[in-house]
Amino acid sequence: MPVSKLTLEIEISHAQSLKDRRQVIRSMKDKLRHSFNLSIAELDDGIVWNRATLGIVAISNSNSYLTGQMEQIDRAAHGIAHNLSAEITDSYAEILSE
């Protein structure tokens, strides 16, 4: 059964503290979870205030469905980041098959 993985590198230029960073990351995670059936987690240590890495995973029986879903999630994440005054500097998706 294929599993898709999307990694997002996020820059939060306005963050002046970990609290600012957490607000952006929490909001992004909540909005993506609400819109899509996925698992999402922060992948870095959270030491740097103005950067974050999110990992998103979804599973399905269909590779084509996962490819389309990852594209939709990526577009949605870019829009959410823009609304939160953040920027996704890099995103890459991968489908892992048996």
C-alpha atoms as a PDB file:
ATOM      1  CA  MET A   1       0.000   0.000   0.000  1.00  0.00           C
ATOM      2  CA  PRO A   2       1.551   3.343  -1.022  1.00  0.00           C
ATOM      3  CA  VAL A   3       2.299   6.086   1.485  1.00  0.00           C
ATOM      4  CA  SER A   4       2.979   9.683   0.447  1.00  0.00           C
ATOM      5  CA  LYS A   5       5.241  12.054   2.304  1.00  0.00           C
ATOM      6  CA  LEU A   6       5.378  15.830   1.853  1.00  0.00           C
ATOM      7  CA  THR A   7       8.032  17.913   3.592  1.00  0.00           C
ATOM      8  CA  LEU A   8       7.594  21.671   3.923  1.00  0.00           C
ATOM      9  CA  GLU A   9      10.383  24.089   4.841  1.00  0.00           C
ATOM     10  CA  ILE A  10       8.797  27.241   6.259  1.00  0.00           C
ATOM     11  CA  GLU A  11      10.308  30.652   6.934  1.00  0.00           C
ATOM     12  CA  ILE A  12       8.528  32.894   9.428  1.00  0.00           C
ATOM     13  CA  SER A  13      10.347  36.197   9.008  1.00  0.00           C
ATOM     14  CA  HIS A  14       8.189  38.132  11.482  1.00  0.00           C
ATOM     15  CA  ALA A  15       8.715  35.672  14.366  1.00  0.00           C
ATOM     16  CA  GLN A  16      10.441  37.352  17.301  1.00  0.00           C
ATOM     17  CA  SER A  17       9.989  34.503  19.767  1.00  0.00           C
ATOM     18  CA  LEU A  18       9.128  30.832  19.982  1.00  0.00           C
ATOM     19  CA  LYS A  19       5.568  31.877  20.807  1.00  0.00           C
ATOM     20  CA  ASP A  20       5.263  33.660  17.440  1.00  0.00           C
ATOM     21  CA  ARG A  21       6.672  30.582  15.700  1.00  0.00           C
ATOM     22  CA  ARG A  22       4.334  28.194  17.526  1.00  0.00           C
ATOM     23  CA  GLN A  23       1.277  30.292  16.631  1.00  0.00           C
ATOM     24  CA  VAL A  24       2.038  30.076  12.910  1.00  0.00           C
ATOM     25  CA  ILE A  25       2.929  26.378  12.977  1.00  0.00           C
ATOM     26  CA  ARG A  26      -0.071  25.386  15.116  1.00  0.00           C
ATOM     27  CA  SER A  27      -2.445  27.347  12.900  1.00  0.00           C
ATOM     28  CA  MET A  28      -0.997  25.800   9.750  1.00  0.00           C
ATOM     29  CA  LYS A  29      -1.193  22.277  11.164  1.00  0.00           C
ATOM     30  CA  ASP A  30      -4.783  22.747  12.370  1.00  0.00           C
ATOM     31  CA  LYS A  31      -5.988  24.175   9.043  1.00  0.00           C
ATOM     32  CA  LEU A  32      -4.362  21.405   7.007  1.00  0.00           C
ATOM     33  CA  ARG A  33      -5.734  18.684   9.320  1.00  0.00           C
ATOM     34  CA  HIS A  34      -9.207  20.213   9.082  1.00  0.00           C
ATOM     35  CA  SER A  35      -9.125  20.312   5.270  1.00  0.00           C
ATOM     36  CA  PHE A  36      -7.457  16.976   4.489  1.00  0.00           C
ATOM     37  CA  ASN A  37      -7.292  13.477   5.928  1.00  0.00           C
ATOM     38  CA  LEU A  38      -3.590  13.437   6.836  1.00  0.00           C
ATOM     39  CA  SER A  39      -1.035  13.190   9.592  1.00  0.00           C
ATOM     40  CA  ILE A  40       1.219  16.179  10.192  1.00  0.00           C
ATOM     41  CA  ALA A  41       4.095  16.776  12.562  1.00  0.00           C
ATOM     42  CA  GLU A  42       6.864  19.260  13.181  1.00  0.00           C
ATOM     43  CA  LEU A  43      10.177  17.648  12.234  1.00  0.00           C
ATOM     44  CA  ASP A  44      12.761  20.030  13.659  1.00  0.00           C
ATOM     45  CA  ASP A  45      13.804  20.893  17.195  1.00  0.00           C
ATOM     46  CA  GLY A  46      12.158  24.307  17.253  1.00  0.00           C
ATOM     47  CA  ILE A  47      15.324  26.082  18.320  1.00  0.00           C
ATOM     48  CA  VAL A  48      15.348  28.600  15.467  1.00  0.00           C
ATOM     49  CA  TRP A  49      12.486  31.079  15.775  1.00  0.00           C
ATOM     50  CA  ASN A  50      12.027  31.966  12.138  1.00  0.00           C
ATOM     51  CA  ARG A  51      12.172  28.530  10.494  1.00  0.00           C
ATOM     52  CA  ALA A  52      10.267  25.272  10.756  1.00  0.00           C
ATOM     53  CA  THR A  53       9.972  21.950   8.974  1.00  0.00           C
ATOM     54  CA  LEU A  54       6.664  20.114   8.726  1.00  0.00           C
ATOM     55  CA  GLY A  55       6.180  16.524   7.638  1.00  0.00           C
ATOM     56  CA  ILE A  56       2.858  15.442   6.156  1.00  0.00           C
ATOM     57  CA  VAL A  57       1.891  11.825   5.494  1.00  0.00           C
ATOM     58  CA  ALA A  58      -1.131  10.260   3.792  1.00  0.00           C
ATOM     59  CA  ILE A  59      -1.983   6.699   2.804  1.00  0.00           C
ATOM     60  CA  SER A  60      -4.227   5.290   0.071  1.00  0.00           C
ATOM     61  CA  ASN A  61      -4.620   2.349  -2.294  1.00  0.00           C
ATOM     62  CA  SER A  62      -3.952   4.561  -5.322  1.00  0.00           C
ATOM     63  CA  ASN A  63      -0.677   6.226  -6.325  1.00  0.00           C
ATOM     64  CA  SER A  64      -2.511   8.666  -8.587  1.00  0.00           C
ATOM     65  CA  TYR A  65      -4.871   9.691  -5.781  1.00  0.00           C
ATOM     66  CA  LEU A  66      -1.908  10.329  -3.466  1.00  0.00           C
ATOM     67  CA  THR A  67      -0.112  12.361  -6.118  1.00  0.00           C
ATOM     68  CA  GLY A  68      -3.162  14.575  -6.602  1.00  0.00           C
ATOM     69  CA  GLN A  69      -3.736  14.886  -2.882  1.00  0.00           C
ATOM     70  CA  MET A  70      -0.126  15.931  -2.227  1.00  0.00           C
ATOM     71  CA  GLU A  71      -0.426  18.600  -4.942  1.00  0.00           C
ATOM     72  CA  GLN A  72      -3.629  19.918  -3.341  1.00  0.00           C
ATOM     73  CA  ILE A  73      -2.052  19.905   0.123  1.00  0.00           C
ATOM     74  CA  ASP A  74       1.022  21.733  -1.191  1.00  0.00           C
ATOM     75  CA  ARG A  75      -1.117  24.433  -2.840  1.00  0.00           C
ATOM     76  CA  ALA A  76      -3.244  24.792   0.308  1.00  0.00           C
ATOM     77  CA  ALA A  77      -0.146  25.011   2.512  1.00  0.00           C
ATOM     78  CA  HIS A  78       1.288  27.797   0.348  1.00  0.00           C
ATOM     79  CA  GLY A  79      -1.981  29.739   0.652  1.00  0.00           C
ATOM     80  CA  ILE A  80      -2.187  29.225   4.410  1.00  0.00           C
ATOM     81  CA  ALA A  81       1.447  30.266   4.849  1.00  0.00           C
ATOM     82  CA  HIS A  82       0.823  33.420   2.817  1.00  0.00           C
ATOM     83  CA  ASN A  83      -2.196  34.310   4.979  1.00  0.00           C
ATOM     84  CA  LEU A  84      -0.061  33.817   8.109  1.00  0.00           C
ATOM     85  CA  SER A  85       2.738  36.065   6.742  1.00  0.00           C
ATOM     86  CA  ALA A  86       5.050  33.101   6.359  1.00  0.00           C
ATOM     87  CA  GLU A  87       6.706  31.608   3.291  1.00  0.00           C
ATOM     88  CA  ILE A  88       7.259  28.031   2.210  1.00  0.00           C
ATOM     89  CA  THR A  89      10.823  28.097   0.929  1.00  0.00           C
ATOM     90  CA  ASP A  90      10.936  24.460  -0.159  1.00  0.00           C
ATOM     91  CA  SER A  91       8.525  21.564  -0.503  1.00  0.00           C
ATOM     92  CA  TYR A  92       9.130  18.077  -1.764  1.00  0.00           C
ATOM     93  CA  ALA A  93       6.876  15.068  -2.044  1.00  0.00           C
ATOM     94  CA  GLU A  94       7.657  11.399  -2.255  1.00  0.00           C
ATOM     95  CA  ILE A  95       5.524   8.287  -2.652  1.00  0.00           C
ATOM     96  CA  LEU A  96       6.799   5.218  -0.840  1.00  0.00           C
ATOM     97  CA  SER A  97       5.585   1.910  -2.219  1.00  0.00           C
ATOM     98  CA  GLU A  98       6.127  -1.640  -1.050  1.00  0.00           C
END
